[in-house]
Amino acid sequence: VYRAPFPGCGAPVEFRSAQSTHAVCGYCQSTVVRDGEVLKRLGKMAELFDDHSLLQLGSAGLFDKQPFTLVGRLQYRYGEGTWTEWQVWFDDGRIGTLSEDNGAYVLSFPQDNQRALPAAEQFQVGATTTINGQPWGVASNQQVSLVSAQGELPRLPPIGQPFALVELRSQGDEGRVLSIDYGISPPAVSVGRAILLEDLAL
């Protein structure tokens, strides 16, 4: 764990994961990027909108018998509304993402992709495709943008800059969800499944 005073306001900032590069102060809304043990202030973050979430930074629980803590929050906007992604830091060093949208939750983890992915516009909603040898149905293909953020983050997309996010669902009964984030290059792939809050033993 790396701890230091936040440049500007002096509030404590903590990085639990070596994968985290950014942090947003809950006191002054300033954003910093970490380079080794040097923190560089980037500017102010937009205010968080009230999403009436039952979760909060610092919430802890268990998933598959592994302890975790919610260390970061990203708030996004798309054509149909807004949703929140929580950064989940596990005691074994893994980082996951807990997506929260109108009371529905999906917990996912990064996955290496075995080959180059097609451009986002090639994914047609309702179509079926194969990724890493598995069949998936295209559930959504949206232009999304970051609204605000808080806490410790593995990356930080530019505020208000649209990018494509494609979501696919498994063709079997496993209820798995695959997301492709075109906000970075190459696109980031994560795989998870729908869960209930009770599954997290918060």
N, C-alpha and C. Protein backbone atom coordinates (compact mmCIF):
# COMPACT_ATOMS: atom_id res chain seq x y z
N VAL A 1 0.85 -1.19 0.00
CA VAL A 1 0.00 0.00 0.00
C VAL A 1 0.88 1.23 0.00
N TYR A 2 0.58 2.19 -0.92
CA TYR A 2 1.32 3.45 -0.98
C TYR A 2 0.43 4.56 -0.47
N ARG A 3 0.94 5.35 0.49
CA ARG A 3 0.17 6.46 1.06
C ARG A 3 0.97 7.74 0.95
N ALA A 4 0.28 8.85 0.71
CA ALA A 4 0.93 10.16 0.62
C ALA A 4 -0.13 11.23 0.80
N PRO A 5 0.28 12.46 1.15
CA PRO A 5 -0.68 13.57 1.20
C PRO A 5 -1.06 14.00 -0.21
N PHE A 6 -2.31 14.35 -0.40
CA PHE A 6 -2.79 14.79 -1.70
C PHE A 6 -2.18 16.15 -2.03
N PRO A 7 -1.59 16.32 -3.21
CA PRO A 7 -1.07 17.65 -3.58
C PRO A 7 -2.20 18.68 -3.57
N GLY A 8 -1.99 19.76 -2.87
CA GLY A 8 -3.01 20.80 -2.81
C GLY A 8 -3.66 20.86 -1.45
N CYS A 9 -4.57 19.90 -1.15
CA CYS A 9 -5.32 19.98 0.11
C CYS A 9 -4.65 19.23 1.25
N GLY A 10 -3.73 18.30 0.95
CA GLY A 10 -3.03 17.58 2.00
C GLY A 10 -3.77 16.39 2.58
N ALA A 11 -4.99 16.12 2.09
CA ALA A 11 -5.73 14.95 2.57
C ALA A 11 -4.98 13.67 2.19
N PRO A 12 -5.11 12.60 2.97
CA PRO A 12 -4.38 11.37 2.65
C PRO A 12 -4.90 10.70 1.39
N VAL A 13 -3.99 10.22 0.55
CA VAL A 13 -4.35 9.43 -0.62
C VAL A 13 -3.68 8.08 -0.47
N GLU A 14 -4.39 7.03 -0.87
CA GLU A 14 -3.88 5.66 -0.69
C GLU A 14 -4.05 4.88 -1.97
N PHE A 15 -3.00 4.17 -2.37
CA PHE A 15 -3.06 3.25 -3.49
C PHE A 15 -2.83 1.84 -2.94
N ARG A 16 -3.88 1.02 -2.98
CA ARG A 16 -3.75 -0.36 -2.51
C ARG A 16 -3.17 -1.27 -3.58
N SER A 17 -3.49 -0.94 -4.85
CA SER A 17 -3.08 -1.80 -5.96
C SER A 17 -1.98 -1.15 -6.78
N ALA A 18 -0.98 -1.96 -7.18
CA ALA A 18 0.07 -1.47 -8.07
C ALA A 18 -0.47 -1.17 -9.45
N GLN A 19 -1.68 -1.69 -9.78
CA GLN A 19 -2.30 -1.44 -11.08
C GLN A 19 -2.97 -0.07 -11.16
N SER A 20 -3.17 0.58 -10.02
CA SER A 20 -3.87 1.87 -10.00
C SER A 20 -2.91 2.99 -10.36
N THR A 21 -3.33 3.83 -11.28
CA THR A 21 -2.50 4.95 -11.74
C THR A 21 -3.08 6.30 -11.37
N HIS A 22 -4.38 6.37 -11.06
CA HIS A 22 -5.04 7.64 -10.78
C HIS A 22 -5.79 7.58 -9.45
N ALA A 23 -6.03 8.75 -8.89
CA ALA A 23 -6.86 8.87 -7.70
C ALA A 23 -7.57 10.22 -7.72
N VAL A 24 -8.78 10.23 -7.18
CA VAL A 24 -9.57 11.46 -7.08
C VAL A 24 -9.88 11.69 -5.61
N CYS A 25 -9.52 12.86 -5.12
CA CYS A 25 -9.70 13.19 -3.70
C CYS A 25 -11.17 13.41 -3.38
N GLY A 26 -11.63 12.78 -2.32
CA GLY A 26 -13.01 12.94 -1.89
C GLY A 26 -13.26 14.28 -1.21
N TYR A 27 -12.21 15.01 -0.85
CA TYR A 27 -12.35 16.29 -0.16
C TYR A 27 -12.33 17.46 -1.12
N CYS A 28 -11.30 17.53 -1.99
CA CYS A 28 -11.16 18.69 -2.87
C CYS A 28 -11.47 18.38 -4.33
N GLN A 29 -11.79 17.12 -4.64
CA GLN A 29 -12.13 16.69 -6.00
C GLN A 29 -10.97 16.83 -6.98
N SER A 30 -9.74 16.99 -6.47
CA SER A 30 -8.58 17.04 -7.35
C SER A 30 -8.22 15.64 -7.83
N THR A 31 -7.65 15.58 -9.03
CA THR A 31 -7.23 14.32 -9.62
C THR A 31 -5.71 14.28 -9.69
N VAL A 32 -5.12 13.13 -9.35
CA VAL A 32 -3.67 12.96 -9.47
C VAL A 32 -3.37 11.69 -10.26
N VAL A 33 -2.21 11.70 -10.91
CA VAL A 33 -1.70 10.51 -11.57
C VAL A 33 -0.43 10.12 -10.83
N ARG A 34 -0.24 8.81 -10.67
CA ARG A 34 0.92 8.30 -9.92
C ARG A 34 1.97 7.78 -10.89
N ASP A 35 3.21 8.22 -10.68
CA ASP A 35 4.36 7.71 -11.43
C ASP A 35 5.38 7.27 -10.40
N GLY A 36 5.38 5.96 -10.08
CA GLY A 36 6.23 5.48 -8.99
C GLY A 36 5.71 6.02 -7.68
N GLU A 37 6.56 6.81 -6.99
CA GLU A 37 6.14 7.43 -5.73
C GLU A 37 5.93 8.93 -5.89
N VAL A 38 5.77 9.38 -7.12
CA VAL A 38 5.53 10.80 -7.40
C VAL A 38 4.08 10.98 -7.82
N LEU A 39 3.38 11.93 -7.18
CA LEU A 39 2.01 12.26 -7.52
C LEU A 39 1.97 13.59 -8.26
N LYS A 40 1.32 13.61 -9.42
CA LYS A 40 1.18 14.83 -10.21
C LYS A 40 -0.28 15.22 -10.28
N ARG A 41 -0.58 16.46 -9.88
CA ARG A 41 -1.96 16.94 -9.87
C ARG A 41 -2.39 17.28 -11.29
N LEU A 42 -3.57 16.78 -11.71
CA LEU A 42 -4.07 16.99 -13.06
C LEU A 42 -5.16 18.05 -13.14
N GLY A 43 -5.82 18.34 -12.05
CA GLY A 43 -6.92 19.31 -12.06
C GLY A 43 -8.11 18.80 -11.29
N LYS A 44 -9.23 19.50 -11.41
CA LYS A 44 -10.45 19.17 -10.66
C LYS A 44 -11.30 18.16 -11.40
N MET A 45 -11.99 17.32 -10.65
CA MET A 45 -12.95 16.37 -11.19
C MET A 45 -14.35 16.93 -11.00
N ALA A 46 -15.24 16.65 -11.94
CA ALA A 46 -16.63 17.08 -11.81
C ALA A 46 -17.27 16.45 -10.58
N GLU A 47 -18.26 17.11 -10.03
CA GLU A 47 -18.97 16.59 -8.85
C GLU A 47 -19.67 15.27 -9.19
N LEU A 48 -19.68 14.36 -8.22
CA LEU A 48 -20.43 13.12 -8.38
C LEU A 48 -21.92 13.42 -8.41
N PHE A 49 -22.67 12.72 -9.25
CA PHE A 49 -24.12 12.85 -9.20
C PHE A 49 -24.68 11.82 -8.22
N ASP A 50 -25.80 12.14 -7.63
CA ASP A 50 -26.40 11.26 -6.63
C ASP A 50 -27.11 10.11 -7.34
N ASP A 51 -26.49 8.93 -7.30
CA ASP A 51 -27.08 7.77 -7.97
C ASP A 51 -27.85 6.87 -6.99
N HIS A 52 -28.01 7.35 -5.75
CA HIS A 52 -28.79 6.62 -4.72
C HIS A 52 -28.26 5.20 -4.51
N SER A 53 -26.96 5.03 -4.69
CA SER A 53 -26.37 3.70 -4.53
C SER A 53 -26.36 3.28 -3.07
N LEU A 54 -26.51 1.98 -2.85
CA LEU A 54 -26.38 1.42 -1.51
C LEU A 54 -24.92 1.19 -1.14
N LEU A 55 -24.01 1.34 -2.11
CA LEU A 55 -22.59 1.10 -1.91
C LEU A 55 -21.86 2.40 -1.63
N GLN A 56 -20.64 2.28 -1.11
CA GLN A 56 -19.80 3.45 -0.89
C GLN A 56 -18.34 3.01 -0.86
N LEU A 57 -17.44 3.97 -1.10
CA LEU A 57 -16.02 3.67 -1.03
C LEU A 57 -15.67 3.14 0.36
N GLY A 58 -14.83 2.12 0.39
CA GLY A 58 -14.44 1.53 1.66
C GLY A 58 -15.30 0.36 2.08
N SER A 59 -16.44 0.14 1.39
CA SER A 59 -17.26 -1.03 1.70
C SER A 59 -16.44 -2.30 1.46
N ALA A 60 -16.58 -3.25 2.35
CA ALA A 60 -15.81 -4.50 2.25
C ALA A 60 -16.75 -5.69 2.27
N GLY A 61 -16.29 -6.80 1.73
CA GLY A 61 -17.11 -8.01 1.71
C GLY A 61 -16.32 -9.21 1.27
N LEU A 62 -17.05 -10.26 0.87
CA LEU A 62 -16.44 -11.51 0.42
C LEU A 62 -17.10 -11.94 -0.89
N PHE A 63 -16.28 -12.45 -1.82
CA PHE A 63 -16.81 -13.05 -3.03
C PHE A 63 -16.00 -14.29 -3.32
N ASP A 64 -16.68 -15.43 -3.45
CA ASP A 64 -15.98 -16.71 -3.61
C ASP A 64 -14.93 -16.90 -2.52
N LYS A 65 -15.28 -16.50 -1.30
CA LYS A 65 -14.45 -16.64 -0.10
C LYS A 65 -13.22 -15.73 -0.10
N GLN A 66 -13.15 -14.78 -1.05
CA GLN A 66 -12.02 -13.86 -1.12
C GLN A 66 -12.44 -12.48 -0.61
N PRO A 67 -11.74 -11.92 0.40
CA PRO A 67 -12.07 -10.58 0.90
C PRO A 67 -11.77 -9.50 -0.15
N PHE A 68 -12.60 -8.46 -0.16
CA PHE A 68 -12.38 -7.36 -1.09
C PHE A 68 -12.81 -6.04 -0.46
N THR A 69 -12.39 -4.94 -1.08
CA THR A 69 -12.77 -3.59 -0.68
C THR A 69 -13.08 -2.78 -1.93
N LEU A 70 -14.12 -1.94 -1.87
CA LEU A 70 -14.41 -1.02 -2.97
C LEU A 70 -13.51 0.20 -2.82
N VAL A 71 -12.62 0.42 -3.81
CA VAL A 71 -11.61 1.47 -3.67
C VAL A 71 -11.81 2.64 -4.64
N GLY A 72 -12.64 2.48 -5.67
CA GLY A 72 -12.83 3.55 -6.64
C GLY A 72 -14.21 3.51 -7.26
N ARG A 73 -14.61 4.64 -7.84
CA ARG A 73 -15.94 4.73 -8.46
C ARG A 73 -15.85 5.59 -9.72
N LEU A 74 -16.44 5.10 -10.81
CA LEU A 74 -16.53 5.83 -12.07
C LEU A 74 -18.00 5.94 -12.45
N GLN A 75 -18.45 7.14 -12.76
CA GLN A 75 -19.84 7.36 -13.15
C GLN A 75 -19.90 7.70 -14.64
N TYR A 76 -20.73 6.95 -15.39
CA TYR A 76 -20.81 7.09 -16.84
C TYR A 76 -22.21 7.51 -17.28
N ARG A 77 -22.26 8.10 -18.48
CA ARG A 77 -23.54 8.44 -19.10
C ARG A 77 -23.59 7.81 -20.48
N TYR A 78 -24.78 7.30 -20.87
CA TYR A 78 -24.99 6.79 -22.22
C TYR A 78 -26.40 7.20 -22.65
N GLY A 79 -26.82 6.76 -23.85
CA GLY A 79 -28.06 7.25 -24.41
C GLY A 79 -29.29 7.00 -23.56
N GLU A 80 -29.28 5.96 -22.76
CA GLU A 80 -30.47 5.58 -21.99
C GLU A 80 -30.38 5.98 -20.51
N GLY A 81 -29.31 6.63 -20.12
CA GLY A 81 -29.20 7.03 -18.71
C GLY A 81 -27.78 7.04 -18.21
N THR A 82 -27.61 6.60 -16.96
CA THR A 82 -26.29 6.60 -16.32
C THR A 82 -26.07 5.27 -15.60
N TRP A 83 -24.82 4.98 -15.32
CA TRP A 83 -24.51 3.83 -14.48
C TRP A 83 -23.17 4.07 -13.79
N THR A 84 -22.87 3.24 -12.80
CA THR A 84 -21.66 3.38 -11.99
C THR A 84 -20.83 2.11 -12.08
N GLU A 85 -19.51 2.27 -12.13
CA GLU A 85 -18.60 1.14 -12.03
C GLU A 85 -17.72 1.32 -10.80
N TRP A 86 -17.75 0.33 -9.93
CA TRP A 86 -16.93 0.34 -8.72
C TRP A 86 -15.68 -0.49 -8.98
N GLN A 87 -14.52 0.02 -8.55
CA GLN A 87 -13.27 -0.73 -8.64
C GLN A 87 -13.15 -1.58 -7.38
N VAL A 88 -13.01 -2.88 -7.57
CA VAL A 88 -13.02 -3.85 -6.47
C VAL A 88 -11.60 -4.39 -6.30
N TRP A 89 -10.99 -4.10 -5.16
CA TRP A 89 -9.64 -4.57 -4.86
C TRP A 89 -9.72 -5.78 -3.93
N PHE A 90 -9.21 -6.93 -4.40
CA PHE A 90 -9.21 -8.15 -3.61
C PHE A 90 -7.90 -8.28 -2.84
N ASP A 91 -7.96 -8.91 -1.67
CA ASP A 91 -6.78 -9.06 -0.85
C ASP A 91 -5.69 -9.87 -1.54
N ASP A 92 -6.06 -10.69 -2.54
CA ASP A 92 -5.05 -11.48 -3.25
C ASP A 92 -4.40 -10.68 -4.38
N GLY A 93 -4.75 -9.38 -4.52
CA GLY A 93 -4.12 -8.52 -5.51
C GLY A 93 -4.91 -8.31 -6.78
N ARG A 94 -5.99 -9.06 -6.98
CA ARG A 94 -6.80 -8.88 -8.19
C ARG A 94 -7.62 -7.60 -8.11
N ILE A 95 -7.89 -7.03 -9.29
CA ILE A 95 -8.79 -5.88 -9.41
C ILE A 95 -9.96 -6.29 -10.30
N GLY A 96 -11.16 -6.11 -9.79
CA GLY A 96 -12.37 -6.39 -10.57
C GLY A 96 -13.19 -5.13 -10.72
N THR A 97 -14.28 -5.23 -11.48
CA THR A 97 -15.20 -4.11 -11.68
C THR A 97 -16.61 -4.56 -11.34
N LEU A 98 -17.27 -3.81 -10.47
CA LEU A 98 -18.66 -4.07 -10.12
C LEU A 98 -19.52 -2.99 -10.76
N SER A 99 -20.24 -3.37 -11.83
CA SER A 99 -21.11 -2.43 -12.53
C SER A 99 -22.47 -2.39 -11.84
N GLU A 100 -22.98 -1.17 -11.65
CA GLU A 100 -24.27 -0.97 -10.99
C GLU A 100 -25.15 -0.11 -11.88
N ASP A 101 -26.29 -0.67 -12.28
CA ASP A 101 -27.19 0.06 -13.18
C ASP A 101 -28.63 -0.23 -12.77
N ASN A 102 -29.28 0.77 -12.13
CA ASN A 102 -30.69 0.63 -11.72
C ASN A 102 -30.95 -0.62 -10.90
N GLY A 103 -30.08 -0.89 -9.95
CA GLY A 103 -30.27 -2.02 -9.05
C GLY A 103 -29.79 -3.35 -9.57
N ALA A 104 -29.22 -3.38 -10.78
CA ALA A 104 -28.64 -4.62 -11.34
C ALA A 104 -27.12 -4.54 -11.22
N TYR A 105 -26.48 -5.67 -10.91
CA TYR A 105 -25.05 -5.69 -10.66
C TYR A 105 -24.37 -6.78 -11.50
N VAL A 106 -23.18 -6.44 -12.03
CA VAL A 106 -22.35 -7.40 -12.75
C VAL A 106 -20.93 -7.26 -12.22
N LEU A 107 -20.33 -8.37 -11.77
CA LEU A 107 -18.95 -8.37 -11.31
C LEU A 107 -18.09 -9.02 -12.39
N SER A 108 -17.08 -8.30 -12.86
CA SER A 108 -16.26 -8.81 -13.96
C SER A 108 -14.78 -8.59 -13.68
N PHE A 109 -13.95 -9.32 -14.45
CA PHE A 109 -12.51 -9.26 -14.31
C PHE A 109 -11.87 -9.14 -15.69
N PRO A 110 -10.71 -8.48 -15.78
CA PRO A 110 -10.04 -8.35 -17.07
C PRO A 110 -9.70 -9.71 -17.65
N GLN A 111 -9.76 -9.80 -18.98
CA GLN A 111 -9.42 -11.04 -19.67
C GLN A 111 -8.53 -10.72 -20.87
N ASP A 112 -7.47 -11.52 -21.04
CA ASP A 112 -6.61 -11.36 -22.21
C ASP A 112 -7.37 -11.82 -23.45
N ASN A 113 -7.23 -11.06 -24.51
CA ASN A 113 -7.86 -11.43 -25.76
C ASN A 113 -6.86 -12.15 -26.65
N GLN A 114 -7.30 -13.23 -27.30
CA GLN A 114 -6.38 -14.08 -28.06
C GLN A 114 -6.10 -13.54 -29.45
N ARG A 115 -6.92 -12.63 -29.95
CA ARG A 115 -6.69 -12.06 -31.28
C ARG A 115 -7.28 -10.66 -31.35
N ALA A 116 -6.91 -9.93 -32.41
CA ALA A 116 -7.40 -8.56 -32.55
C ALA A 116 -8.91 -8.54 -32.67
N LEU A 117 -9.53 -7.56 -32.04
CA LEU A 117 -10.99 -7.42 -32.08
C LEU A 117 -11.40 -6.54 -33.25
N PRO A 118 -12.58 -6.79 -33.82
CA PRO A 118 -13.08 -5.92 -34.89
C PRO A 118 -13.43 -4.54 -34.34
N ALA A 119 -13.61 -3.57 -35.24
CA ALA A 119 -14.03 -2.24 -34.84
C ALA A 119 -15.41 -2.32 -34.17
N ALA A 120 -15.69 -1.39 -33.28
CA ALA A 120 -16.93 -1.42 -32.51
C ALA A 120 -18.16 -1.45 -33.40
N GLU A 121 -18.13 -0.70 -34.51
CA GLU A 121 -19.32 -0.61 -35.37
C GLU A 121 -19.66 -1.92 -36.06
N GLN A 122 -18.76 -2.89 -36.01
CA GLN A 122 -19.05 -4.19 -36.63
C GLN A 122 -19.91 -5.09 -35.75
N PHE A 123 -20.08 -4.72 -34.49
CA PHE A 123 -20.93 -5.49 -33.59
C PHE A 123 -22.37 -4.98 -33.71
N GLN A 124 -23.23 -5.79 -34.30
CA GLN A 124 -24.63 -5.43 -34.48
C GLN A 124 -25.48 -6.06 -33.39
N VAL A 125 -26.27 -5.25 -32.70
CA VAL A 125 -27.11 -5.75 -31.62
C VAL A 125 -28.03 -6.85 -32.15
N GLY A 126 -28.09 -7.98 -31.44
CA GLY A 126 -28.90 -9.12 -31.84
C GLY A 126 -28.13 -10.17 -32.60
N ALA A 127 -26.93 -9.80 -33.09
CA ALA A 127 -26.11 -10.76 -33.84
C ALA A 127 -25.34 -11.66 -32.88
N THR A 128 -24.82 -12.76 -33.40
CA THR A 128 -23.99 -13.69 -32.63
C THR A 128 -22.58 -13.66 -33.19
N THR A 129 -21.61 -13.71 -32.28
CA THR A 129 -20.21 -13.71 -32.71
C THR A 129 -19.42 -14.65 -31.81
N THR A 130 -18.17 -14.90 -32.18
CA THR A 130 -17.30 -15.77 -31.39
C THR A 130 -16.09 -14.97 -30.93
N ILE A 131 -15.82 -15.03 -29.63
CA ILE A 131 -14.66 -14.36 -29.05
C ILE A 131 -13.93 -15.36 -28.17
N ASN A 132 -12.64 -15.53 -28.44
CA ASN A 132 -11.82 -16.50 -27.72
C ASN A 132 -12.44 -17.90 -27.74
N GLY A 133 -13.04 -18.25 -28.89
CA GLY A 133 -13.57 -19.59 -29.08
C GLY A 133 -14.94 -19.82 -28.47
N GLN A 134 -15.55 -18.78 -27.87
CA GLN A 134 -16.85 -18.93 -27.22
C GLN A 134 -17.91 -18.11 -27.97
N PRO A 135 -19.14 -18.65 -28.12
CA PRO A 135 -20.21 -17.89 -28.79
C PRO A 135 -20.84 -16.87 -27.84
N TRP A 136 -21.09 -15.65 -28.38
CA TRP A 136 -21.68 -14.57 -27.60
C TRP A 136 -22.73 -13.87 -28.45
N GLY A 137 -23.78 -13.38 -27.79
CA GLY A 137 -24.78 -12.56 -28.45
C GLY A 137 -24.55 -11.10 -28.11
N VAL A 138 -24.62 -10.22 -29.11
CA VAL A 138 -24.38 -8.79 -28.88
C VAL A 138 -25.63 -8.18 -28.25
N ALA A 139 -25.50 -7.73 -27.00
CA ALA A 139 -26.64 -7.19 -26.25
C ALA A 139 -26.75 -5.68 -26.39
N SER A 140 -25.64 -4.97 -26.48
CA SER A 140 -25.69 -3.51 -26.64
C SER A 140 -24.39 -3.01 -27.25
N ASN A 141 -24.50 -1.87 -27.92
CA ASN A 141 -23.35 -1.19 -28.51
C ASN A 141 -23.63 0.29 -28.37
N GLN A 142 -22.98 0.93 -27.40
CA GLN A 142 -23.33 2.30 -27.01
C GLN A 142 -22.12 3.22 -27.07
N GLN A 143 -22.39 4.49 -27.33
CA GLN A 143 -21.41 5.55 -27.11
C GLN A 143 -21.60 6.03 -25.67
N VAL A 144 -20.53 5.96 -24.88
CA VAL A 144 -20.62 6.33 -23.47
C VAL A 144 -19.57 7.40 -23.18
N SER A 145 -19.72 8.08 -22.05
CA SER A 145 -18.71 9.06 -21.63
C SER A 145 -18.66 9.13 -20.11
N LEU A 146 -17.47 9.41 -19.59
CA LEU A 146 -17.27 9.52 -18.16
C LEU A 146 -17.84 10.84 -17.66
N VAL A 147 -18.60 10.79 -16.56
CA VAL A 147 -19.18 11.99 -15.96
C VAL A 147 -18.36 12.45 -14.77
N SER A 148 -17.99 11.50 -13.89
CA SER A 148 -17.24 11.85 -12.70
C SER A 148 -16.58 10.59 -12.13
N ALA A 149 -15.70 10.78 -11.16
CA ALA A 149 -14.98 9.65 -10.56
C ALA A 149 -14.54 10.01 -9.15
N GLN A 150 -14.18 8.97 -8.41
CA GLN A 150 -13.74 9.15 -7.03
C GLN A 150 -12.88 7.97 -6.63
N GLY A 151 -11.89 8.22 -5.78
CA GLY A 151 -11.09 7.14 -5.22
C GLY A 151 -9.96 6.69 -6.12
N GLU A 152 -9.53 5.45 -5.91
CA GLU A 152 -8.38 4.85 -6.58
C GLU A 152 -8.82 4.17 -7.87
N LEU A 153 -8.11 4.44 -8.98
CA LEU A 153 -8.57 3.99 -10.29
C LEU A 153 -7.40 3.43 -11.11
N PRO A 154 -7.64 2.31 -11.84
CA PRO A 154 -6.57 1.77 -12.69
C PRO A 154 -6.33 2.61 -13.92
N ARG A 155 -7.34 3.38 -14.34
CA ARG A 155 -7.18 4.33 -15.45
C ARG A 155 -8.31 5.35 -15.33
N LEU A 156 -8.18 6.45 -16.10
CA LEU A 156 -9.18 7.51 -16.01
C LEU A 156 -9.43 8.06 -17.40
N PRO A 157 -10.54 7.67 -18.05
CA PRO A 157 -10.87 8.23 -19.36
C PRO A 157 -11.10 9.73 -19.27
N PRO A 158 -10.87 10.48 -20.36
CA PRO A 158 -11.13 11.92 -20.35
C PRO A 158 -12.62 12.19 -20.08
N ILE A 159 -12.89 13.19 -19.24
CA ILE A 159 -14.26 13.56 -18.91
C ILE A 159 -15.01 14.01 -20.17
N GLY A 160 -16.21 13.44 -20.36
CA GLY A 160 -17.10 13.87 -21.43
C GLY A 160 -16.71 13.47 -22.83
N GLN A 161 -15.65 12.71 -23.00
CA GLN A 161 -15.21 12.30 -24.34
C GLN A 161 -15.82 10.95 -24.70
N PRO A 162 -16.72 10.88 -25.68
CA PRO A 162 -17.43 9.62 -25.99
C PRO A 162 -16.49 8.54 -26.52
N PHE A 163 -16.81 7.31 -26.16
CA PHE A 163 -16.14 6.14 -26.73
C PHE A 163 -17.13 4.99 -26.76
N ALA A 164 -16.82 3.98 -27.54
CA ALA A 164 -17.74 2.85 -27.72
C ALA A 164 -17.55 1.82 -26.61
N LEU A 165 -18.66 1.27 -26.15
CA LEU A 165 -18.66 0.17 -25.20
C LEU A 165 -19.64 -0.89 -25.70
N VAL A 166 -19.14 -2.08 -25.95
CA VAL A 166 -19.96 -3.18 -26.48
C VAL A 166 -20.14 -4.21 -25.38
N GLU A 167 -21.37 -4.67 -25.19
CA GLU A 167 -21.67 -5.69 -24.19
C GLU A 167 -22.29 -6.90 -24.86
N LEU A 168 -21.77 -8.08 -24.53
CA LEU A 168 -22.25 -9.33 -25.10
C LEU A 168 -22.66 -10.27 -23.98
N ARG A 169 -23.60 -11.15 -24.28
CA ARG A 169 -24.08 -12.13 -23.30
C ARG A 169 -23.79 -13.54 -23.80
N SER A 170 -23.52 -14.44 -22.85
CA SER A 170 -23.23 -15.83 -23.21
C SER A 170 -24.45 -16.49 -23.82
N GLN A 171 -24.22 -17.44 -24.73
CA GLN A 171 -25.31 -18.11 -25.41
C GLN A 171 -25.85 -19.31 -24.62
N GLY A 172 -25.14 -19.71 -23.58
CA GLY A 172 -25.61 -20.81 -22.74
C GLY A 172 -26.41 -20.31 -21.56
N ASP A 173 -26.45 -21.13 -20.49
CA ASP A 173 -27.22 -20.79 -19.29
C ASP A 173 -26.34 -20.21 -18.19
N GLU A 174 -25.07 -19.87 -18.52
CA GLU A 174 -24.15 -19.43 -17.46
C GLU A 174 -24.42 -18.00 -17.02
N GLY A 175 -25.12 -17.22 -17.84
CA GLY A 175 -25.38 -15.83 -17.48
C GLY A 175 -24.15 -14.95 -17.48
N ARG A 176 -23.17 -15.29 -18.29
CA ARG A 176 -21.94 -14.50 -18.32
C ARG A 176 -22.09 -13.26 -19.20
N VAL A 177 -21.31 -12.24 -18.88
CA VAL A 177 -21.31 -10.97 -19.61
C VAL A 177 -19.89 -10.65 -20.04
N LEU A 178 -19.71 -10.29 -21.31
CA LEU A 178 -18.41 -9.88 -21.82
C LEU A 178 -18.51 -8.43 -22.28
N SER A 179 -17.62 -7.57 -21.81
CA SER A 179 -17.62 -6.16 -22.18
C SER A 179 -16.34 -5.84 -22.93
N ILE A 180 -16.48 -5.01 -23.97
CA ILE A 180 -15.32 -4.54 -24.73
C ILE A 180 -15.30 -3.02 -24.64
N ASP A 181 -14.24 -2.49 -24.05
CA ASP A 181 -14.09 -1.06 -23.81
C ASP A 181 -13.16 -0.49 -24.88
N TYR A 182 -13.72 0.32 -25.78
CA TYR A 182 -12.94 0.93 -26.86
C TYR A 182 -12.38 2.30 -26.47
N GLY A 183 -12.40 2.60 -25.18
CA GLY A 183 -11.85 3.87 -24.71
C GLY A 183 -10.34 3.86 -24.63
N ILE A 184 -9.72 2.69 -24.80
CA ILE A 184 -8.27 2.57 -24.81
C ILE A 184 -7.88 1.70 -25.99
N SER A 185 -6.59 1.71 -26.34
CA SER A 185 -6.10 0.92 -27.47
C SER A 185 -4.91 0.08 -27.02
N PRO A 186 -4.97 -1.26 -27.24
CA PRO A 186 -6.09 -2.00 -27.83
C PRO A 186 -7.28 -2.04 -26.86
N PRO A 187 -8.49 -2.35 -27.37
CA PRO A 187 -9.67 -2.39 -26.51
C PRO A 187 -9.49 -3.36 -25.35
N ALA A 188 -10.05 -3.00 -24.19
CA ALA A 188 -9.97 -3.85 -23.00
C ALA A 188 -11.18 -4.77 -22.93
N VAL A 189 -10.92 -6.04 -22.64
CA VAL A 189 -11.98 -7.05 -22.53
C VAL A 189 -12.11 -7.48 -21.08
N SER A 190 -13.34 -7.55 -20.59
CA SER A 190 -13.59 -8.10 -19.25
C SER A 190 -14.77 -9.06 -19.33
N VAL A 191 -14.73 -10.06 -18.47
CA VAL A 191 -15.78 -11.09 -18.43
C VAL A 191 -16.26 -11.25 -17.00
N GLY A 192 -17.58 -11.31 -16.84
CA GLY A 192 -18.14 -11.49 -15.51
C GLY A 192 -19.52 -12.10 -15.59
N ARG A 193 -20.28 -11.91 -14.52
CA ARG A 193 -21.65 -12.43 -14.50
C ARG A 193 -22.51 -11.58 -13.58
N ALA A 194 -23.80 -11.65 -13.83
CA ALA A 194 -24.75 -10.92 -13.01
C ALA A 194 -24.77 -11.54 -11.60
N ILE A 195 -24.82 -10.67 -10.60
CA ILE A 195 -24.85 -11.13 -9.21
C ILE A 195 -25.89 -10.32 -8.44
N LEU A 196 -26.17 -10.78 -7.23
CA LEU A 196 -27.00 -10.04 -6.27
C LEU A 196 -26.10 -9.45 -5.20
N LEU A 197 -26.52 -8.37 -4.56
CA LEU A 197 -25.72 -7.79 -3.49
C LEU A 197 -25.45 -8.81 -2.38
N GLU A 198 -26.41 -9.71 -2.17
CA GLU A 198 -26.21 -10.72 -1.12
C GLU A 198 -25.02 -11.63 -1.42
N ASP A 199 -24.69 -11.77 -2.72
CA ASP A 199 -23.55 -12.61 -3.10
C ASP A 199 -22.23 -12.03 -2.62
N LEU A 200 -22.21 -10.73 -2.27
CA LEU A 200 -20.97 -10.07 -1.90
C LEU A 200 -20.72 -10.04 -0.40
N ALA A 201 -21.66 -10.47 0.38
CA ALA A 201 -21.50 -10.52 1.85
C ALA A 201 -20.92 -9.21 2.39
N LEU A 202 -21.52 -8.09 1.97
CA LEU A 202 -21.00 -6.77 2.37
C LEU A 202 -21.14 -6.56 3.86
